[in-house]
Amino acid sequence: MSRAELARRQAELLHALLAGGSPPPGFDPARLAVEANVLRRKHGRVLAYQRPELAETLGERFGPLFTEFTAGRPKKAAERSGAYADEFVTWLIAGGHLPKPKRGLLTRFRRR
């Protein structure tokens, strides 16, 4: 297999795992769905570690809200975690899960 073919197949796999794409040929869709769910939960734990005040504020709602967010907006392979976390905060505010900030988009939940 050429490097280009390997890169293409890896990209297909990442798209299936991270962005809800179709499973590449030769992969079990059910197993990929399980792995994609594991990766989303892992990313949620990383985000909670990076933004502890956000996780603390949301409490038990954090996990379900993050799952809802990622279902509609999966993280892209090359996307920085901080930018994705900022987008999650924006989504939370737009959905009424967090209060609207009084000063622009910078809140205590975003990195400065």
PDB file of N, CA and C in Angstrom:
ATOM      1  N   MET A   1       0.850  -1.172   0.000  1.00  0.00           N
ATOM      2  CA  MET A   1       0.000   0.000   0.000  1.00  0.00           C
ATOM      3  C   MET A   1       0.903   1.245   0.000  1.00  0.00           C
ATOM      4  N   SER A   2       0.572   2.193  -0.846  1.00  0.00           N
ATOM      5  CA  SER A   2       1.371   3.413  -0.948  1.00  0.00           C
ATOM      6  C   SER A   2       1.091   4.334   0.240  1.00  0.00           C
ATOM      7  N   ARG A   3       1.988   5.274   0.456  1.00  0.00           N
ATOM      8  CA  ARG A   3       1.792   6.250   1.536  1.00  0.00           C
ATOM      9  C   ARG A   3       0.516   7.064   1.306  1.00  0.00           C
ATOM     10  N   ALA A   4       0.279   7.428   0.063  1.00  0.00           N
ATOM     11  CA  ALA A   4      -0.913   8.223  -0.253  1.00  0.00           C
ATOM     12  C   ALA A   4      -2.181   7.433   0.071  1.00  0.00           C
ATOM     13  N   GLU A   5      -2.193   6.141  -0.269  1.00  0.00           N
ATOM     14  CA  GLU A   5      -3.352   5.301   0.016  1.00  0.00           C
ATOM     15  C   GLU A   5      -3.532   5.131   1.526  1.00  0.00           C
ATOM     16  N   LEU A   6      -2.441   4.932   2.234  1.00  0.00           N
ATOM     17  CA  LEU A   6      -2.505   4.801   3.686  1.00  0.00           C
ATOM     18  C   LEU A   6      -3.034   6.096   4.315  1.00  0.00           C
ATOM     19  N   ALA A   7      -2.548   7.226   3.866  1.00  0.00           N
ATOM     20  CA  ALA A   7      -3.006   8.521   4.379  1.00  0.00           C
ATOM     21  C   ALA A   7      -4.496   8.706   4.111  1.00  0.00           C
ATOM     22  N   ARG A   8      -4.953   8.320   2.937  1.00  0.00           N
ATOM     23  CA  ARG A   8      -6.365   8.442   2.600  1.00  0.00           C
ATOM     24  C   ARG A   8      -7.219   7.564   3.518  1.00  0.00           C
ATOM     25  N   ARG A   9      -6.780   6.342   3.751  1.00  0.00           N
ATOM     26  CA  ARG A   9      -7.535   5.420   4.607  1.00  0.00           C
ATOM     27  C   ARG A   9      -7.542   5.886   6.058  1.00  0.00           C
ATOM     28  N   GLN A  10      -6.404   6.438   6.503  1.00  0.00           N
ATOM     29  CA  GLN A  10      -6.365   6.979   7.867  1.00  0.00           C
ATOM     30  C   GLN A  10      -7.314   8.162   8.005  1.00  0.00           C
ATOM     31  N   ALA A  11      -7.351   9.005   6.992  1.00  0.00           N
ATOM     32  CA  ALA A  11      -8.258  10.161   7.012  1.00  0.00           C
ATOM     33  C   ALA A  11      -9.712   9.697   7.063  1.00  0.00           C
ATOM     34  N   GLU A  12     -10.053   8.661   6.315  1.00  0.00           N
ATOM     35  CA  GLU A  12     -11.416   8.116   6.346  1.00  0.00           C
ATOM     36  C   GLU A  12     -11.760   7.596   7.744  1.00  0.00           C
ATOM     37  N   LEU A  13     -10.806   6.906   8.368  1.00  0.00           N
ATOM     38  CA  LEU A  13     -11.033   6.366   9.707  1.00  0.00           C
ATOM     39  C   LEU A  13     -11.219   7.498  10.715  1.00  0.00           C
ATOM     40  N   LEU A  14     -10.372   8.507  10.657  1.00  0.00           N
ATOM     41  CA  LEU A  14     -10.512   9.645  11.565  1.00  0.00           C
ATOM     42  C   LEU A  14     -11.841  10.358  11.359  1.00  0.00           C
ATOM     43  N   HIS A  15     -12.240  10.499  10.120  1.00  0.00           N
ATOM     44  CA  HIS A  15     -13.529  11.143   9.833  1.00  0.00           C
ATOM     45  C   HIS A  15     -14.677  10.328  10.435  1.00  0.00           C
ATOM     46  N   ALA A  16     -14.586   9.016  10.351  1.00  0.00           N
ATOM     47  CA  ALA A  16     -15.625   8.159  10.926  1.00  0.00           C
ATOM     48  C   ALA A  16     -15.627   8.252  12.447  1.00  0.00           C
ATOM     49  N   LEU A  17     -14.452   8.323  13.055  1.00  0.00           N
ATOM     50  CA  LEU A  17     -14.358   8.347  14.516  1.00  0.00           C
ATOM     51  C   LEU A  17     -14.682   9.712  15.109  1.00  0.00           C
ATOM     52  N   LEU A  18     -14.221  10.768  14.468  1.00  0.00           N
ATOM     53  CA  LEU A  18     -14.329  12.093  15.067  1.00  0.00           C
ATOM     54  C   LEU A  18     -15.456  12.952  14.514  1.00  0.00           C
ATOM     55  N   ALA A  19     -15.877  12.666  13.298  1.00  0.00           N
ATOM     56  CA  ALA A  19     -16.839  13.563  12.660  1.00  0.00           C
ATOM     57  C   ALA A  19     -18.103  12.862  12.182  1.00  0.00           C
ATOM     58  N   GLY A  20     -18.342  11.669  12.659  1.00  0.00           N
ATOM     59  CA  GLY A  20     -19.577  10.985  12.310  1.00  0.00           C
ATOM     60  C   GLY A  20     -19.657  10.514  10.873  1.00  0.00           C
ATOM     61  N   GLY A  21     -18.501  10.359  10.236  1.00  0.00           N
ATOM     62  CA  GLY A  21     -18.491   9.894   8.856  1.00  0.00           C
ATOM     63  C   GLY A  21     -18.832   8.422   8.739  1.00  0.00           C
ATOM     64  N   SER A  22     -19.019   7.980   7.524  1.00  0.00           N
ATOM     65  CA  SER A  22     -19.321   6.567   7.268  1.00  0.00           C
ATOM     66  C   SER A  22     -18.110   5.708   7.581  1.00  0.00           C
ATOM     67  N   PRO A  23     -18.338   4.501   8.113  1.00  0.00           N
ATOM     68  CA  PRO A  23     -17.214   3.610   8.383  1.00  0.00           C
ATOM     69  C   PRO A  23     -16.500   3.226   7.090  1.00  0.00           C
ATOM     70  N   PRO A  24     -15.178   3.252   7.095  1.00  0.00           N
ATOM     71  CA  PRO A  24     -14.437   2.819   5.906  1.00  0.00           C
ATOM     72  C   PRO A  24     -14.647   1.323   5.654  1.00  0.00           C
ATOM     73  N   PRO A  25     -14.457   0.887   4.428  1.00  0.00           N
ATOM     74  CA  PRO A  25     -14.584  -0.538   4.134  1.00  0.00           C
ATOM     75  C   PRO A  25     -13.664  -1.367   5.040  1.00  0.00           C
ATOM     76  N   GLY A  26     -14.202  -2.477   5.510  1.00  0.00           N
ATOM     77  CA  GLY A  26     -13.414  -3.376   6.342  1.00  0.00           C
ATOM     78  C   GLY A  26     -13.535  -3.118   7.832  1.00  0.00           C
ATOM     79  N   PHE A  27     -14.257  -2.071   8.234  1.00  0.00           N
ATOM     80  CA  PHE A  27     -14.430  -1.770   9.652  1.00  0.00           C
ATOM     81  C   PHE A  27     -15.864  -2.059  10.070  1.00  0.00           C
ATOM     82  N   ASP A  28     -16.002  -2.630  11.243  1.00  0.00           N
ATOM     83  CA  ASP A  28     -17.310  -2.947  11.802  1.00  0.00           C
ATOM     84  C   ASP A  28     -17.958  -1.646  12.296  1.00  0.00           C
ATOM     85  N   PRO A  29     -19.090  -1.248  11.717  1.00  0.00           N
ATOM     86  CA  PRO A  29     -19.737   0.012  12.115  1.00  0.00           C
ATOM     87  C   PRO A  29     -20.073   0.074  13.607  1.00  0.00           C
ATOM     88  N   ALA A  30     -20.520  -1.029  14.187  1.00  0.00           N
ATOM     89  CA  ALA A  30     -20.885  -1.033  15.608  1.00  0.00           C
ATOM     90  C   ALA A  30     -19.654  -0.791  16.484  1.00  0.00           C
ATOM     91  N   ARG A  31     -18.555  -1.417  16.149  1.00  0.00           N
ATOM     92  CA  ARG A  31     -17.325  -1.238  16.933  1.00  0.00           C
ATOM     93  C   ARG A  31     -16.783   0.180  16.767  1.00  0.00           C
ATOM     94  N   LEU A  32     -16.886   0.733  15.560  1.00  0.00           N
ATOM     95  CA  LEU A  32     -16.447   2.111  15.350  1.00  0.00           C
ATOM     96  C   LEU A  32     -17.309   3.073  16.148  1.00  0.00           C
ATOM     97  N   ALA A  33     -18.602   2.817  16.227  1.00  0.00           N
ATOM     98  CA  ALA A  33     -19.493   3.677  17.000  1.00  0.00           C
ATOM     99  C   ALA A  33     -19.116   3.652  18.486  1.00  0.00           C
ATOM    100  N   VAL A  34     -18.775   2.480  18.982  1.00  0.00           N
ATOM    101  CA  VAL A  34     -18.345   2.366  20.386  1.00  0.00           C
ATOM    102  C   VAL A  34     -17.063   3.160  20.601  1.00  0.00           C
ATOM    103  N   GLU A  35     -16.108   2.992  19.716  1.00  0.00           N
ATOM    104  CA  GLU A  35     -14.828   3.700  19.843  1.00  0.00           C
ATOM    105  C   GLU A  35     -15.014   5.209  19.718  1.00  0.00           C
ATOM    106  N   ALA A  36     -15.877   5.640  18.811  1.00  0.00           N
ATOM    107  CA  ALA A  36     -16.142   7.073  18.660  1.00  0.00           C
ATOM    108  C   ALA A  36     -16.743   7.635  19.945  1.00  0.00           C
ATOM    109  N   ASN A  37     -17.634   6.890  20.569  1.00  0.00           N
ATOM    110  CA  ASN A  37     -18.230   7.317  21.829  1.00  0.00           C
ATOM    111  C   ASN A  37     -17.173   7.418  22.929  1.00  0.00           C
ATOM    112  N   VAL A  38     -16.269   6.464  22.976  1.00  0.00           N
ATOM    113  CA  VAL A  38     -15.174   6.485  23.957  1.00  0.00           C
ATOM    114  C   VAL A  38     -14.303   7.723  23.744  1.00  0.00           C
ATOM    115  N   LEU A  39     -13.988   8.025  22.490  1.00  0.00           N
ATOM    116  CA  LEU A  39     -13.159   9.196  22.195  1.00  0.00           C
ATOM    117  C   LEU A  39     -13.864  10.495  22.582  1.00  0.00           C
ATOM    118  N   ARG A  40     -15.164  10.588  22.344  1.00  0.00           N
ATOM    119  CA  ARG A  40     -15.913  11.785  22.735  1.00  0.00           C
ATOM    120  C   ARG A  40     -15.922  11.954  24.254  1.00  0.00           C
ATOM    121  N   ARG A  41     -16.133  10.857  24.977  1.00  0.00           N
ATOM    122  CA  ARG A  41     -16.119  10.940  26.443  1.00  0.00           C
ATOM    123  C   ARG A  41     -14.734  11.332  26.949  1.00  0.00           C
ATOM    124  N   LYS A  42     -13.700  10.786  26.324  1.00  0.00           N
ATOM    125  CA  LYS A  42     -12.332  11.133  26.710  1.00  0.00           C
ATOM    126  C   LYS A  42     -12.102  12.626  26.476  1.00  0.00           C
ATOM    127  N   HIS A  43     -12.550  13.125  25.344  1.00  0.00           N
ATOM    128  CA  HIS A  43     -12.373  14.546  25.060  1.00  0.00           C
ATOM    129  C   HIS A  43     -13.147  15.391  26.063  1.00  0.00           C
ATOM    130  N   GLY A  44     -14.314  14.936  26.477  1.00  0.00           N
ATOM    131  CA  GLY A  44     -15.076  15.641  27.505  1.00  0.00           C
ATOM    132  C   GLY A  44     -14.319  15.701  28.826  1.00  0.00           C
ATOM    133  N   ARG A  45     -13.640  14.603  29.184  1.00  0.00           N
ATOM    134  CA  ARG A  45     -12.837  14.604  30.415  1.00  0.00           C
ATOM    135  C   ARG A  45     -11.664  15.573  30.302  1.00  0.00           C
ATOM    136  N   VAL A  46     -11.035  15.613  29.133  1.00  0.00           N
ATOM    137  CA  VAL A  46      -9.934  16.546  28.912  1.00  0.00           C
ATOM    138  C   VAL A  46     -10.443  17.978  29.022  1.00  0.00           C
ATOM    139  N   LEU A  47     -11.581  18.256  28.406  1.00  0.00           N
ATOM    140  CA  LEU A  47     -12.148  19.601  28.470  1.00  0.00           C
ATOM    141  C   LEU A  47     -12.488  19.973  29.913  1.00  0.00           C
ATOM    142  N   ALA A  48     -13.044  19.041  30.667  1.00  0.00           N
ATOM    143  CA  ALA A  48     -13.367  19.308  32.080  1.00  0.00           C
ATOM    144  C   ALA A  48     -12.095  19.582  32.878  1.00  0.00           C
ATOM    145  N   TYR A  49     -11.010  18.920  32.536  1.00  0.00           N
ATOM    146  CA  TYR A  49      -9.728  19.153  33.206  1.00  0.00           C
ATOM    147  C   TYR A  49      -9.176  20.530  32.828  1.00  0.00           C
ATOM    148  N   GLN A  50      -9.293  20.891  31.565  1.00  0.00           N
ATOM    149  CA  GLN A  50      -8.777  22.180  31.088  1.00  0.00           C
ATOM    150  C   GLN A  50      -9.621  23.350  31.589  1.00  0.00           C
ATOM    151  N   ARG A  51     -10.906  23.139  31.752  1.00  0.00           N
ATOM    152  CA  ARG A  51     -11.839  24.194  32.171  1.00  0.00           C
ATOM    153  C   ARG A  51     -12.607  23.736  33.420  1.00  0.00           C
ATOM    154  N   PRO A  52     -11.913  23.552  34.536  1.00  0.00           N
ATOM    155  CA  PRO A  52     -12.590  23.008  35.724  1.00  0.00           C
ATOM    156  C   PRO A  52     -13.748  23.871  36.215  1.00  0.00           C
ATOM    157  N   GLU A  53     -13.653  25.189  36.024  1.00  0.00           N
ATOM    158  CA  GLU A  53     -14.744  26.058  36.474  1.00  0.00           C
ATOM    159  C   GLU A  53     -16.010  25.824  35.653  1.00  0.00           C
ATOM    160  N   LEU A  54     -15.839  25.464  34.399  1.00  0.00           N
ATOM    161  CA  LEU A  54     -16.987  25.155  33.551  1.00  0.00           C
ATOM    162  C   LEU A  54     -17.641  23.857  34.010  1.00  0.00           C
ATOM    163  N   ALA A  55     -16.824  22.836  34.218  1.00  0.00           N
ATOM    164  CA  ALA A  55     -17.346  21.549  34.677  1.00  0.00           C
ATOM    165  C   ALA A  55     -18.007  21.687  36.050  1.00  0.00           C
ATOM    166  N   GLU A  56     -17.417  22.502  36.925  1.00  0.00           N
ATOM    167  CA  GLU A  56     -17.981  22.705  38.259  1.00  0.00           C
ATOM    168  C   GLU A  56     -19.323  23.434  38.182  1.00  0.00           C
ATOM    169  N   THR A  57     -19.392  24.447  37.343  1.00  0.00           N
ATOM    170  CA  THR A  57     -20.629  25.217  37.193  1.00  0.00           C
ATOM    171  C   THR A  57     -21.762  24.347  36.652  1.00  0.00           C
ATOM    172  N   LEU A  58     -21.447  23.519  35.667  1.00  0.00           N
ATOM    173  CA  LEU A  58     -22.481  22.671  35.061  1.00  0.00           C
ATOM    174  C   LEU A  58     -22.797  21.446  35.911  1.00  0.00           C
ATOM    175  N   GLY A  59     -21.850  21.015  36.722  1.00  0.00           N
ATOM    176  CA  GLY A  59     -22.068  19.849  37.583  1.00  0.00           C
ATOM    177  C   GLY A  59     -22.414  18.613  36.771  1.00  0.00           C
ATOM    178  N   GLU A  60     -23.461  17.921  37.187  1.00  0.00           N
ATOM    179  CA  GLU A  60     -23.865  16.677  36.529  1.00  0.00           C
ATOM    180  C   GLU A  60     -24.406  16.913  35.116  1.00  0.00           C
ATOM    181  N   ARG A  61     -24.710  18.143  34.777  1.00  0.00           N
ATOM    182  CA  ARG A  61     -25.199  18.451  33.420  1.00  0.00           C
ATOM    183  C   ARG A  61     -24.060  18.463  32.404  1.00  0.00           C
ATOM    184  N   PHE A  62     -22.807  18.572  32.869  1.00  0.00           N
ATOM    185  CA  PHE A  62     -21.674  18.695  31.955  1.00  0.00           C
ATOM    186  C   PHE A  62     -21.638  17.556  30.932  1.00  0.00           C
ATOM    187  N   GLY A  63     -21.637  16.310  31.404  1.00  0.00           N
ATOM    188  CA  GLY A  63     -21.536  15.157  30.501  1.00  0.00           C
ATOM    189  C   GLY A  63     -22.641  15.109  29.460  1.00  0.00           C
ATOM    190  N   PRO A  64     -23.908  15.155  29.891  1.00  0.00           N
ATOM    191  CA  PRO A  64     -24.990  15.121  28.905  1.00  0.00           C
ATOM    192  C   PRO A  64     -24.965  16.298  27.930  1.00  0.00           C
ATOM    193  N   LEU A  65     -24.635  17.491  28.425  1.00  0.00           N
ATOM    194  CA  LEU A  65     -24.577  18.646  27.523  1.00  0.00           C
ATOM    195  C   LEU A  65     -23.427  18.519  26.534  1.00  0.00           C
ATOM    196  N   PHE A  66     -22.288  18.031  26.992  1.00  0.00           N
ATOM    197  CA  PHE A  66     -21.160  17.849  26.080  1.00  0.00           C
ATOM    198  C   PHE A  66     -21.494  16.797  25.030  1.00  0.00           C
ATOM    199  N   THR A  67     -22.166  15.736  25.430  1.00  0.00           N
ATOM    200  CA  THR A  67     -22.592  14.699  24.484  1.00  0.00           C
ATOM    201  C   THR A  67     -23.541  15.283  23.445  1.00  0.00           C
ATOM    202  N   GLU A  68     -24.473  16.106  23.894  1.00  0.00           N
ATOM    203  CA  GLU A  68     -25.413  16.744  22.960  1.00  0.00           C
ATOM    204  C   GLU A  68     -24.671  17.659  21.991  1.00  0.00           C
ATOM    205  N   PHE A  69     -23.739  18.430  22.515  1.00  0.00           N
ATOM    206  CA  PHE A  69     -22.950  19.339  21.673  1.00  0.00           C
ATOM    207  C   PHE A  69     -22.156  18.562  20.632  1.00  0.00           C
ATOM    208  N   THR A  70     -21.453  17.509  21.059  1.00  0.00           N
ATOM    209  CA  THR A  70     -20.609  16.762  20.120  1.00  0.00           C
ATOM    210  C   THR A  70     -21.415  16.006  19.079  1.00  0.00           C
ATOM    211  N   ALA A  71     -22.667  15.666  19.408  1.00  0.00           N
ATOM    212  CA  ALA A  71     -23.516  14.980  18.421  1.00  0.00           C
ATOM    213  C   ALA A  71     -23.796  15.897  17.233  1.00  0.00           C
ATOM    214  N   GLY A  72     -23.953  17.181  17.508  1.00  0.00           N
ATOM    215  CA  GLY A  72     -24.236  18.132  16.436  1.00  0.00           C
ATOM    216  C   GLY A  72     -23.004  18.798  15.865  1.00  0.00           C
ATOM    217  N   ARG A  73     -21.901  18.717  16.582  1.00  0.00           N
ATOM    218  CA  ARG A  73     -20.678  19.397  16.155  1.00  0.00           C
ATOM    219  C   ARG A  73     -19.459  18.604  16.620  1.00  0.00           C
ATOM    220  N   PRO A  74     -19.137  17.506  15.909  1.00  0.00           N
ATOM    221  CA  PRO A  74     -17.970  16.725  16.302  1.00  0.00           C
ATOM    222  C   PRO A  74     -16.670  17.524  16.122  1.00  0.00           C
ATOM    223  N   LYS A  75     -15.703  17.176  16.925  1.00  0.00           N
ATOM    224  CA  LYS A  75     -14.388  17.824  16.841  1.00  0.00           C
ATOM    225  C   LYS A  75     -13.673  17.349  15.592  1.00  0.00           C
ATOM    226  N   LYS A  76     -13.076  18.301  14.884  1.00  0.00           N
ATOM    227  CA  LYS A  76     -12.296  17.962  13.693  1.00  0.00           C
ATOM    228  C   LYS A  76     -10.918  17.474  14.111  1.00  0.00           C
ATOM    229  N   ALA A  77     -10.322  16.619  13.296  1.00  0.00           N
ATOM    230  CA  ALA A  77      -9.035  16.000  13.642  1.00  0.00           C
ATOM    231  C   ALA A  77      -7.959  17.035  13.940  1.00  0.00           C
ATOM    232  N   ALA A  78      -7.876  18.097  13.168  1.00  0.00           N
ATOM    233  CA  ALA A  78      -6.797  19.069  13.327  1.00  0.00           C
ATOM    234  C   ALA A  78      -7.187  20.249  14.225  1.00  0.00           C
ATOM    235  N   GLU A  79      -8.351  20.196  14.830  1.00  0.00           N
ATOM    236  CA  GLU A  79      -8.853  21.312  15.625  1.00  0.00           C
ATOM    237  C   GLU A  79      -8.213  21.335  17.015  1.00  0.00           C
ATOM    238  N   ARG A  80      -7.819  22.518  17.447  1.00  0.00           N
ATOM    239  CA  ARG A  80      -7.255  22.680  18.782  1.00  0.00           C
ATOM    240  C   ARG A  80      -8.341  22.499  19.834  1.00  0.00           C
ATOM    241  N   SER A  81      -7.987  21.853  20.929  1.00  0.00           N
ATOM    242  CA  SER A  81      -8.958  21.614  22.005  1.00  0.00           C
ATOM    243  C   SER A  81      -9.486  22.912  22.592  1.00  0.00           C
ATOM    244  N   GLY A  82      -8.619  23.919  22.726  1.00  0.00           N
ATOM    245  CA  GLY A  82      -9.050  25.193  23.295  1.00  0.00           C
ATOM    246  C   GLY A  82     -10.110  25.869  22.446  1.00  0.00           C
ATOM    247  N   ALA A  83      -9.931  25.842  21.146  1.00  0.00           N
ATOM    248  CA  ALA A  83     -10.910  26.455  20.241  1.00  0.00           C
ATOM    249  C   ALA A  83     -12.234  25.689  20.308  1.00  0.00           C
ATOM    250  N   TYR A  84     -12.151  24.384  20.403  1.00  0.00           N
ATOM    251  CA  TYR A  84     -13.360  23.564  20.500  1.00  0.00           C
ATOM    252  C   TYR A  84     -14.077  23.832  21.820  1.00  0.00           C
ATOM    253  N   ALA A  85     -13.318  23.995  22.894  1.00  0.00           N
ATOM    254  CA  ALA A  85     -13.911  24.311  24.196  1.00  0.00           C
ATOM    255  C   ALA A  85     -14.600  25.666  24.162  1.00  0.00           C
ATOM    256  N   ASP A  86     -13.973  26.644  23.504  1.00  0.00           N
ATOM    257  CA  ASP A  86     -14.603  27.960  23.374  1.00  0.00           C
ATOM    258  C   ASP A  86     -15.929  27.856  22.618  1.00  0.00           C
ATOM    259  N   GLU A  87     -15.941  27.020  21.598  1.00  0.00           N
ATOM    260  CA  GLU A  87     -17.176  26.840  20.833  1.00  0.00           C
ATOM    261  C   GLU A  87     -18.256  26.171  21.688  1.00  0.00           C
ATOM    262  N   PHE A  88     -17.837  25.244  22.545  1.00  0.00           N
ATOM    263  CA  PHE A  88     -18.776  24.601  23.470  1.00  0.00           C
ATOM    264  C   PHE A  88     -19.381  25.640  24.412  1.00  0.00           C
ATOM    265  N   VAL A  89     -18.554  26.535  24.938  1.00  0.00           N
ATOM    266  CA  VAL A  89     -19.052  27.593  25.826  1.00  0.00           C
ATOM    267  C   VAL A  89     -20.057  28.472  25.086  1.00  0.00           C
ATOM    268  N   THR A  90     -19.737  28.839  23.860  1.00  0.00           N
ATOM    269  CA  THR A  90     -20.645  29.662  23.057  1.00  0.00           C
ATOM    270  C   THR A  90     -21.972  28.938  22.862  1.00  0.00           C
ATOM    271  N   TRP A  91     -21.913  27.642  22.581  1.00  0.00           N
ATOM    272  CA  TRP A  91     -23.114  26.821  22.399  1.00  0.00           C
ATOM    273  C   TRP A  91     -23.930  26.778  23.694  1.00  0.00           C
ATOM    274  N   LEU A  92     -23.247  26.634  24.820  1.00  0.00           N
ATOM    275  CA  LEU A  92     -23.940  26.600  26.108  1.00  0.00           C
ATOM    276  C   LEU A  92     -24.672  27.911  26.377  1.00  0.00           C
ATOM    277  N   ILE A  93     -24.022  29.025  26.074  1.00  0.00           N
ATOM    278  CA  ILE A  93     -24.634  30.330  26.282  1.00  0.00           C
ATOM    279  C   ILE A  93     -25.835  30.507  25.349  1.00  0.00           C
ATOM    280  N   ALA A  94     -25.650  30.160  24.078  1.00  0.00           N
ATOM    281  CA  ALA A  94     -26.738  30.298  23.097  1.00  0.00           C
ATOM    282  C   ALA A  94     -27.938  29.430  23.469  1.00  0.00           C
ATOM    283  N   GLY A  95     -27.680  28.288  24.076  1.00  0.00           N
ATOM    284  CA  GLY A  95     -28.770  27.384  24.460  1.00  0.00           C
ATOM    285  C   GLY A  95     -29.381  27.688  25.813  1.00  0.00           C
ATOM    286  N   GLY A  96     -28.859  28.723  26.484  1.00  0.00           N
ATOM    287  CA  GLY A  96     -29.403  29.091  27.782  1.00  0.00           C
ATOM    288  C   GLY A  96     -28.908  28.229  28.934  1.00  0.00           C
ATOM    289  N   HIS A  97     -27.864  27.444  28.706  1.00  0.00           N
ATOM    290  CA  HIS A  97     -27.322  26.580  29.751  1.00  0.00           C
ATOM    291  C   HIS A  97     -26.348  27.328  30.651  1.00  0.00           C
ATOM    292  N   LEU A  98     -25.833  28.439  30.159  1.00  0.00           N
ATOM    293  CA  LEU A  98     -24.985  29.348  30.932  1.00  0.00           C
ATOM    294  C   LEU A  98     -25.536  30.748  30.741  1.00  0.00           C
ATOM    295  N   PRO A  99     -25.342  31.603  31.734  1.00  0.00           N
ATOM    296  CA  PRO A  99     -25.823  32.980  31.569  1.00  0.00           C
ATOM    297  C   PRO A  99     -25.058  33.706  30.475  1.00  0.00           C
ATOM    298  N   LYS A 100     -25.749  34.608  29.822  1.00  0.00           N
ATOM    299  CA  LYS A 100     -25.125  35.413  28.790  1.00  0.00           C
ATOM    300  C   LYS A 100     -24.084  36.318  29.446  1.00  0.00           C
ATOM    301  N   PRO A 101     -22.873  36.380  28.874  1.00  0.00           N
ATOM    302  CA  PRO A 101     -21.835  37.206  29.499  1.00  0.00           C
ATOM    303  C   PRO A 101     -22.193  38.687  29.430  1.00  0.00           C
ATOM    304  N   LYS A 102     -21.745  39.416  30.436  1.00  0.00           N
ATOM    305  CA  LYS A 102     -22.033  40.848  30.483  1.00  0.00           C
ATOM    306  C   LYS A 102     -21.065  41.643  29.631  1.00  0.00           C
ATOM    307  N   ARG A 103     -19.853  41.110  29.409  1.00  0.00           N
ATOM    308  CA  ARG A 103     -18.846  41.837  28.631  1.00  0.00           C
ATOM    309  C   ARG A 103     -18.373  40.975  27.470  1.00  0.00           C
ATOM    310  N   GLY A 104     -18.906  41.186  26.314  1.00  0.00           N
ATOM    311  CA  GLY A 104     -18.451  40.496  25.109  1.00  0.00           C
ATOM    312  C   GLY A 104     -18.499  38.989  25.248  1.00  0.00           C
ATOM    313  N   LEU A 105     -17.608  38.327  24.549  1.00  0.00           N
ATOM    314  CA  LEU A 105     -17.577  36.868  24.575  1.00  0.00           C
ATOM    315  C   LEU A 105     -16.627  36.310  25.612  1.00  0.00           C
ATOM    316  N   LEU A 106     -15.804  37.161  26.247  1.00  0.00           N
ATOM    317  CA  LEU A 106     -14.889  36.652  27.261  1.00  0.00           C
ATOM    318  C   LEU A 106     -15.654  36.426  28.552  1.00  0.00           C
ATOM    319  N   THR A 107     -15.646  35.211  29.010  1.00  0.00           N
ATOM    320  CA  THR A 107     -16.285  34.874  30.275  1.00  0.00           C
ATOM    321  C   THR A 107     -15.265  34.155  31.126  1.00  0.00           C
ATOM    322  N   ARG A 108     -15.638  33.872  32.320  1.00  0.00           N
ATOM    323  CA  ARG A 108     -14.703  33.143  33.181  1.00  0.00           C
ATOM    324  C   ARG A 108     -14.507  31.709  32.709  1.00  0.00           C
ATOM    325  N   PHE A 109     -15.313  31.266  31.756  1.00  0.00           N
ATOM    326  CA  PHE A 109     -15.195  29.903  31.253  1.00  0.00           C
ATOM    327  C   PHE A 109     -14.257  29.796  30.067  1.00  0.00           C
ATOM    328  N   ARG A 110     -13.853  30.914  29.526  1.00  0.00           N
ATOM    329  CA  ARG A 110     -12.956  30.902  28.371  1.00  0.00           C
ATOM    330  C   ARG A 110     -11.534  31.183  28.825  1.00  0.00           C
ATOM    331  N   ARG A 111     -10.600  30.669  28.069  1.00  0.00           N
ATOM    332  CA  ARG A 111      -9.205  30.955  28.349  1.00  0.00           C
ATOM    333  C   ARG A 111      -8.919  32.387  27.949  1.00  0.00           C
ATOM    334  N   ARG A 112      -8.067  33.004  28.666  1.00  0.00           N
ATOM    335  CA  ARG A 112      -7.676  34.379  28.338  1.00  0.00           C
ATOM    336  C   ARG A 112      -6.298  34.383  27.747  1.00  0.00           C
TER     337      ARG A 112
END
